[in-house]
C-alpha atoms as a PDB file:
ATOM      1  CA  MET A   1      19.243  -4.840 -58.672  1.00  0.00           C
ATOM      2  CA  GLY A   2      15.529  -5.223 -57.304  1.00  0.00           C
ATOM      3  CA  VAL A   3      12.774  -3.135 -58.052  1.00  0.00           C
ATOM      4  CA  GLY A   4      10.627  -3.273 -54.966  1.00  0.00           C
ATOM      5  CA  ALA A   5      10.181  -0.632 -52.304  1.00  0.00           C
ATOM      6  CA  ILE A   6      13.683   1.224 -52.667  1.00  0.00           C
ATOM      7  CA  GLY A   7      14.735   0.187 -56.005  1.00  0.00           C
ATOM      8  CA  ARG A   8      11.754   1.326 -57.741  1.00  0.00           C
ATOM      9  CA  GLN A   9      12.247   4.880 -56.077  1.00  0.00           C
ATOM     10  CA  VAL A  10      16.046   4.676 -57.112  1.00  0.00           C
ATOM     11  CA  ALA A  11      15.150   3.758 -60.674  1.00  0.00           C
ATOM     12  CA  LEU A  12      12.485   6.732 -61.081  1.00  0.00           C
ATOM     13  CA  GLN A  13      14.850   9.320 -59.283  1.00  0.00           C
ATOM     14  CA  LEU A  14      17.603   8.243 -61.653  1.00  0.00           C
ATOM     15  CA  ALA A  15      15.309   8.528 -64.568  1.00  0.00           C
ATOM     16  CA  ALA A  16      14.168  11.786 -63.442  1.00  0.00           C
ATOM     17  CA  MET A  17      17.812  13.124 -63.225  1.00  0.00           C
ATOM     18  CA  GLY A  18      18.492  11.940 -66.842  1.00  0.00           C
ATOM     19  CA  ALA A  19      20.411   8.848 -66.343  1.00  0.00           C
ATOM     20  CA  PRO A  20      20.791   7.952 -69.860  1.00  0.00           C
ATOM     21  CA  ARG A  21      20.945   4.021 -69.368  1.00  0.00           C
ATOM     22  CA  ILE A  22      19.721   1.842 -66.505  1.00  0.00           C
ATOM     23  CA  GLN A  23      19.486  -1.877 -66.157  1.00  0.00           C
ATOM     24  CA  LEU A  24      16.862  -3.036 -63.942  1.00  0.00           C
ATOM     25  CA  VAL A  25      17.175  -6.657 -62.486  1.00  0.00           C
ATOM     26  CA  ASP A  26      14.253  -8.266 -60.738  1.00  0.00           C
ATOM     27  CA  HIS A  27      12.585 -11.734 -61.076  1.00  0.00           C
ATOM     28  CA  ASP A  28       9.169 -10.813 -59.488  1.00  0.00           C
ATOM     29  CA  ARG A  29       5.710  -9.791 -60.365  1.00  0.00           C
ATOM     30  CA  VAL A  30       3.545  -7.043 -58.986  1.00  0.00           C
ATOM     31  CA  GLU A  31       1.127  -8.190 -56.463  1.00  0.00           C
ATOM     32  CA  THR A  32      -1.659  -6.512 -54.727  1.00  0.00           C
ATOM     33  CA  VAL A  33       0.537  -6.470 -51.528  1.00  0.00           C
ATOM     34  CA  ASN A  34       3.105  -4.295 -53.485  1.00  0.00           C
ATOM     35  CA  LEU A  35       0.802  -1.529 -54.279  1.00  0.00           C
ATOM     36  CA  ALA A  36       0.876   0.684 -51.157  1.00  0.00           C
ATOM     37  CA  PRO A  37       4.265  -0.155 -49.788  1.00  0.00           C
ATOM     38  CA  GLN A  38       6.361  -0.200 -53.123  1.00  0.00           C
ATOM     39  CA  GLY A  39       4.364   2.408 -55.357  1.00  0.00           C
ATOM     40  CA  TYR A  40       2.883   0.064 -57.834  1.00  0.00           C
ATOM     41  CA  PHE A  41      -0.454   0.806 -59.475  1.00  0.00           C
ATOM     42  CA  PRO A  42      -3.446  -1.501 -59.796  1.00  0.00           C
ATOM     43  CA  ALA A  43      -2.981  -1.754 -63.424  1.00  0.00           C
ATOM     44  CA  ASP A  44       0.469  -3.192 -62.690  1.00  0.00           C
ATOM     45  CA  ILE A  45      -0.662  -6.250 -60.947  1.00  0.00           C
ATOM     46  CA  GLY A  46       0.362  -9.603 -62.832  1.00  0.00           C
ATOM     47  CA  SER A  47       3.301  -7.497 -64.845  1.00  0.00           C
ATOM     48  CA  PRO A  48       6.994  -8.301 -64.116  1.00  0.00           C
ATOM     49  CA  LYS A  49       8.146  -5.298 -61.750  1.00  0.00           C
ATOM     50  CA  VAL A  50      11.011  -4.494 -64.353  1.00  0.00           C
ATOM     51  CA  GLN A  51       8.318  -3.910 -66.967  1.00  0.00           C
ATOM     52  CA  ALA A  52       6.001  -1.732 -64.825  1.00  0.00           C
ATOM     53  CA  THR A  53       8.905   0.372 -63.434  1.00  0.00           C
ATOM     54  CA  ALA A  54      10.623   0.763 -67.006  1.00  0.00           C
ATOM     55  CA  ALA A  55       7.199   1.806 -68.383  1.00  0.00           C
ATOM     56  CA  LEU A  56       6.678   4.573 -65.615  1.00  0.00           C
ATOM     57  CA  MET A  57      10.367   5.407 -66.013  1.00  0.00           C
ATOM     58  CA  ALA A  58       9.892   6.136 -69.858  1.00  0.00           C
ATOM     59  CA  GLN A  59       6.836   8.628 -68.732  1.00  0.00           C
ATOM     60  CA  VAL A  60       9.297  10.516 -66.386  1.00  0.00           C
ATOM     61  CA  ASN A  61      12.180  10.495 -69.101  1.00  0.00           C
ATOM     62  CA  THR A  62      11.448   9.585 -72.754  1.00  0.00           C
ATOM     63  CA  GLU A  63      15.261   9.319 -73.521  1.00  0.00           C
ATOM     64  CA  VAL A  64      16.292   6.725 -70.835  1.00  0.00           C
ATOM     65  CA  GLN A  65      17.388   3.590 -72.210  1.00  0.00           C
ATOM     66  CA  VAL A  66      16.004   0.784 -69.789  1.00  0.00           C
ATOM     67  CA  MET A  67      17.249  -2.813 -69.877  1.00  0.00           C
ATOM     68  CA  ALA A  68      14.495  -4.798 -68.117  1.00  0.00           C
ATOM     69  CA  LEU A  69      15.768  -8.233 -66.980  1.00  0.00           C
ATOM     70  CA  GLN A  70      12.971 -10.231 -65.352  1.00  0.00           C
ATOM     71  CA  GLU A  71      15.407 -12.693 -63.855  1.00  0.00           C
ATOM     72  CA  ARG A  72      17.502 -13.122 -60.762  1.00  0.00           C
ATOM     73  CA  PHE A  73      21.234 -11.985 -60.321  1.00  0.00           C
ATOM     74  CA  ARG A  74      23.290 -14.282 -62.493  1.00  0.00           C
ATOM     75  CA  ARG A  75      27.116 -14.200 -61.925  1.00  0.00           C
ATOM     76  CA  SER A  76      27.360 -15.608 -65.447  1.00  0.00           C
ATOM     77  CA  ARG A  77      25.791 -12.589 -66.866  1.00  0.00           C
ATOM     78  CA  PRO A  78      28.790 -10.218 -68.431  1.00  0.00           C
ATOM     79  CA  ASP A  79      27.295  -6.809 -68.283  1.00  0.00           C
ATOM     80  CA  HIS A  80      26.709  -5.629 -64.827  1.00  0.00           C
ATOM     81  CA  GLY A  81      28.256  -2.532 -65.069  1.00  0.00           C
ATOM     82  CA  ASN A  82      30.690  -0.860 -62.735  1.00  0.00           C
ATOM     83  CA  VAL A  83      27.702   1.057 -60.981  1.00  0.00           C
ATOM     84  CA  VAL A  84      25.458  -1.176 -58.755  1.00  0.00           C
ATOM     85  CA  LEU A  85      22.346   0.082 -56.793  1.00  0.00           C
ATOM     86  CA  LEU A  86      21.539  -2.679 -54.505  1.00  0.00           C
ATOM     87  CA  CYS A  87      17.694  -2.885 -53.352  1.00  0.00           C
ATOM     88  CA  VAL A  88      17.135  -6.571 -52.796  1.00  0.00           C
ATOM     89  CA  ASP A  89      15.172  -8.044 -49.753  1.00  0.00           C
ATOM     90  CA  SER A  90      17.825 -10.926 -48.660  1.00  0.00           C
ATOM     91  CA  ILE A  91      20.709 -10.722 -46.752  1.00  0.00           C
ATOM     92  CA  GLU A  92      21.901 -13.854 -48.612  1.00  0.00           C
ATOM     93  CA  THR A  93      21.142 -12.365 -52.052  1.00  0.00           C
ATOM     94  CA  ARG A  94      23.269  -9.300 -50.893  1.00  0.00           C
ATOM     95  CA  ARG A  95      26.227 -11.785 -49.975  1.00  0.00           C
ATOM     96  CA  HIS A  96      26.045 -13.539 -53.230  1.00  0.00           C
ATOM     97  CA  ILE A  97      25.964 -10.266 -55.132  1.00  0.00           C
ATOM     98  CA  PHE A  98      28.789  -8.915 -53.444  1.00  0.00           C
ATOM     99  CA  ASP A  99      31.088 -12.139 -53.871  1.00  0.00           C
ATOM    100  CA  ALA A 100      30.442 -11.895 -57.374  1.00  0.00           C
ATOM    101  CA  LEU A 101      30.968  -8.042 -58.093  1.00  0.00           C
ATOM    102  CA  VAL A 102      33.372  -6.923 -55.516  1.00  0.00           C
ATOM    103  CA  HIS A 103      36.262  -6.813 -57.985  1.00  0.00           C
ATOM    104  CA  GLN A 104      33.924  -5.401 -60.822  1.00  0.00           C
ATOM    105  CA  CYS A 105      32.126  -2.623 -59.177  1.00  0.00           C
ATOM    106  CA  ASP A 106      33.664   0.929 -58.850  1.00  0.00           C
ATOM    107  CA  PHE A 107      30.542   1.899 -57.070  1.00  0.00           C
ATOM    108  CA  LEU A 108      28.061  -0.269 -54.946  1.00  0.00           C
ATOM    109  CA  CYS A 109      25.437   1.087 -52.802  1.00  0.00           C
ATOM    110  CA  ASP A 110      23.024  -1.033 -50.851  1.00  0.00           C
ATOM    111  CA  GLY A 111      19.784   0.180 -49.378  1.00  0.00           C
ATOM    112  CA  ARG A 112      18.253  -1.579 -46.379  1.00  0.00           C
ATOM    113  CA  MET A 113      15.073  -0.900 -44.343  1.00  0.00           C
ATOM    114  CA  SER A 114      12.780  -2.244 -41.920  1.00  0.00           C
ATOM    115  CA  ALA A 115       9.423   0.028 -41.413  1.00  0.00           C
ATOM    116  CA  GLU A 116      10.724   3.667 -40.677  1.00  0.00           C
ATOM    117  CA  VAL A 117      14.428   2.766 -40.147  1.00  0.00           C
ATOM    118  CA  LEU A 118      16.884   2.736 -43.096  1.00  0.00           C
ATOM    119  CA  ARG A 119      20.306   1.663 -43.677  1.00  0.00           C
ATOM    120  CA  VAL A 120      22.397   3.061 -46.766  1.00  0.00           C
ATOM    121  CA  LEU A 121      25.999   1.265 -47.260  1.00  0.00           C
ATOM    122  CA  THR A 122      28.217   2.600 -49.966  1.00  0.00           C
ATOM    123  CA  MET A 123      31.397   0.786 -51.313  1.00  0.00           C
ATOM    124  CA  THR A 124      33.740   2.968 -53.114  1.00  0.00           C
ATOM    125  CA  ASP A 125      37.274   2.399 -51.849  1.00  0.00           C
ATOM    126  CA  LEU A 126      39.508   0.012 -50.031  1.00  0.00           C
ATOM    127  CA  GLY A 127      38.192   1.155 -46.600  1.00  0.00           C
ATOM    128  CA  SER A 128      34.616   0.655 -47.343  1.00  0.00           C
ATOM    129  CA  ARG A 129      35.351  -2.646 -49.353  1.00  0.00           C
ATOM    130  CA  THR A 130      36.529  -3.757 -46.052  1.00  0.00           C
ATOM    131  CA  HIS A 131      33.657  -2.489 -44.043  1.00  0.00           C
ATOM    132  CA  TYR A 132      30.853  -3.655 -46.253  1.00  0.00           C
ATOM    133  CA  PRO A 133      31.348  -7.436 -45.741  1.00  0.00           C
ATOM    134  CA  THR A 134      31.251  -7.135 -41.728  1.00  0.00           C
ATOM    135  CA  THR A 135      27.384  -5.788 -42.429  1.00  0.00           C
ATOM    136  CA  LEU A 136      26.531  -9.282 -43.930  1.00  0.00           C
ATOM    137  CA  PHE A 137      25.009 -11.295 -41.037  1.00  0.00           C
ATOM    138  CA  ALA A 138      23.623 -14.801 -41.391  1.00  0.00           C
ATOM    139  CA  ALA A 139      20.065 -14.960 -42.674  1.00  0.00           C
ATOM    140  CA  SER A 140      18.891 -16.369 -39.618  1.00  0.00           C
ATOM    141  CA  GLU A 141      19.531 -13.104 -37.781  1.00  0.00           C
ATOM    142  CA  ALA A 142      17.477 -11.222 -40.109  1.00  0.00           C
ATOM    143  CA  PHE A 143      14.051  -9.706 -39.417  1.00  0.00           C
ATOM    144  CA  ALA A 144      11.399 -12.291 -39.665  1.00  0.00           C
ATOM    145  CA  GLY A 145       8.345 -11.111 -41.892  1.00  0.00           C
ATOM    146  CA  SER A 146       7.395 -10.317 -45.273  1.00  0.00           C
ATOM    147  CA  CYS A 147       8.961  -7.694 -47.230  1.00  0.00           C
ATOM    148  CA  THR A 148       5.771  -5.385 -47.166  1.00  0.00           C
ATOM    149  CA  ALA A 149       5.362  -6.077 -43.276  1.00  0.00           C
ATOM    150  CA  LYS A 150       8.666  -4.024 -43.074  1.00  0.00           C
ATOM    151  CA  SER A 151       8.198  -1.506 -45.911  1.00  0.00           C
ATOM    152  CA  THR A 152       6.869   1.834 -46.012  1.00  0.00           C
ATOM    153  CA  LEU A 153       7.030   3.815 -49.240  1.00  0.00           C
ATOM    154  CA  TYR A 154       8.226   7.255 -47.536  1.00  0.00           C
ATOM    155  CA  CYS A 155      10.885   5.230 -45.938  1.00  0.00           C
ATOM    156  CA  ALA A 156      11.727   3.815 -49.152  1.00  0.00           C
ATOM    157  CA  SER A 157      11.790   7.125 -50.786  1.00  0.00           C
ATOM    158  CA  VAL A 158      14.000   8.553 -48.353  1.00  0.00           C
ATOM    159  CA  ALA A 159      16.495   5.448 -48.529  1.00  0.00           C
ATOM    160  CA  ALA A 160      16.288   6.063 -52.388  1.00  0.00           C
ATOM    161  CA  GLY A 161      17.176   9.682 -52.261  1.00  0.00           C
ATOM    162  CA  LEU A 162      20.255   9.022 -49.786  1.00  0.00           C
ATOM    163  CA  MET A 163      21.332   6.476 -52.221  1.00  0.00           C
ATOM    164  CA  VAL A 164      20.957   8.682 -55.226  1.00  0.00           C
ATOM    165  CA  GLY A 165      22.765  11.113 -53.312  1.00  0.00           C
ATOM    166  CA  GLN A 166      25.612   9.171 -52.641  1.00  0.00           C
ATOM    167  CA  PHE A 167      25.828   8.242 -56.311  1.00  0.00           C
ATOM    168  CA  THR A 168      25.949  11.918 -57.320  1.00  0.00           C
ATOM    169  CA  GLN A 169      28.717  12.500 -54.804  1.00  0.00           C
ATOM    170  CA  TRP A 170      30.737   9.837 -56.306  1.00  0.00           C
ATOM    171  CA  LEU A 171      30.198  10.989 -59.814  1.00  0.00           C
ATOM    172  CA  ARG A 172      31.414  14.348 -58.522  1.00  0.00           C
ATOM    173  CA  GLY A 173      34.605  12.704 -57.157  1.00  0.00           C
ATOM    174  CA  LEU A 174      33.596  13.373 -53.752  1.00  0.00           C
ATOM    175  CA  SER A 175      33.707  11.271 -50.767  1.00  0.00           C
ATOM    176  CA  CYS A 176      31.022   8.894 -49.656  1.00  0.00           C
ATOM    177  CA  GLN A 177      29.546   7.986 -46.280  1.00  0.00           C
ATOM    178  CA  GLN A 178      30.298   4.147 -45.990  1.00  0.00           C
ATOM    179  CA  ASP A 179      27.471   3.665 -43.636  1.00  0.00           C
ATOM    180  CA  MET A 180      24.519   5.648 -42.532  1.00  0.00           C
ATOM    181  CA  THR A 181      21.257   4.566 -40.443  1.00  0.00           C
ATOM    182  CA  LEU A 182      18.412   6.975 -40.150  1.00  0.00           C
ATOM    183  CA  ASN A 183      15.470   6.323 -37.867  1.00  0.00           C
ATOM    184  CA  LEU A 184      12.679   8.173 -39.001  1.00  0.00           C
ATOM    185  CA  LEU A 185      10.633   8.002 -35.717  1.00  0.00           C
ATOM    186  CA  SER A 186      13.311   9.368 -33.453  1.00  0.00           C
ATOM    187  CA  SER A 187      14.733  11.605 -36.283  1.00  0.00           C
ATOM    188  CA  GLU A 188      18.208  10.073 -35.418  1.00  0.00           C
ATOM    189  CA  LEU A 189      20.916   9.779 -38.101  1.00  0.00           C
ATOM    190  CA  ILE A 190      23.874   7.548 -36.965  1.00  0.00           C
ATOM    191  CA  VAL A 191      27.009   7.763 -39.087  1.00  0.00           C
ATOM    192  CA  PRO A 192      29.836   5.608 -37.511  1.00  0.00           C
END
C-alpha cells in the first residue's frame, strides 16, 4: 500500500527476489518532486505511480504478476490478501488500514521515515497486534512538511530492506522485531 519512497523500493526488492504476485495500491501520479526522493524517472512524470512501478518491476522480473490499482485504500475491496506492506505517508491512513485489516492480516509491516530516521513496525502475533495501535498518534502530532521534504532515497531503500527482511523472517517461521528505529545520521538502532 503506497508506492512513494519506501513503497516503490519494497516493490522492486520483492520483484527482484522473485515474488510471484504483488498488488500495488496508490492513487497518486508521478510529479517532478518525486524523482530524486522516490526514485522515479523523468519519463514517469504524469503516469500513475502504480503503473510506473509495475513497469520497472516487469523489467526486474518478467514473471512477476502485478495488480496495479490506482486508487485509495478501500475497506470494501475483498482481495487485500493476508500480507500487507504499508508505505503510506499519512498516520490517518495507517489507522484506517489497520482498523480495516487487523483481523485479516497474518503479516503487516509499516515503514515510516523522516529524512534520515526510519521506523519499521511489524505485526504478526498478539503482542505486536497490541503494540502497533499504540504507535498511531493524532495527525496533529505528525511532522509538518511535504513528503518529499522528509524523504531521502537512501533512507527509503534501507527502510524497504528492513521491511523485506522482516517479511522473509516471517516466511521462514522466525520471530520478527515488532518495532525498530534506525537513525542513519547517528548510526543508532533502537529495538525496544
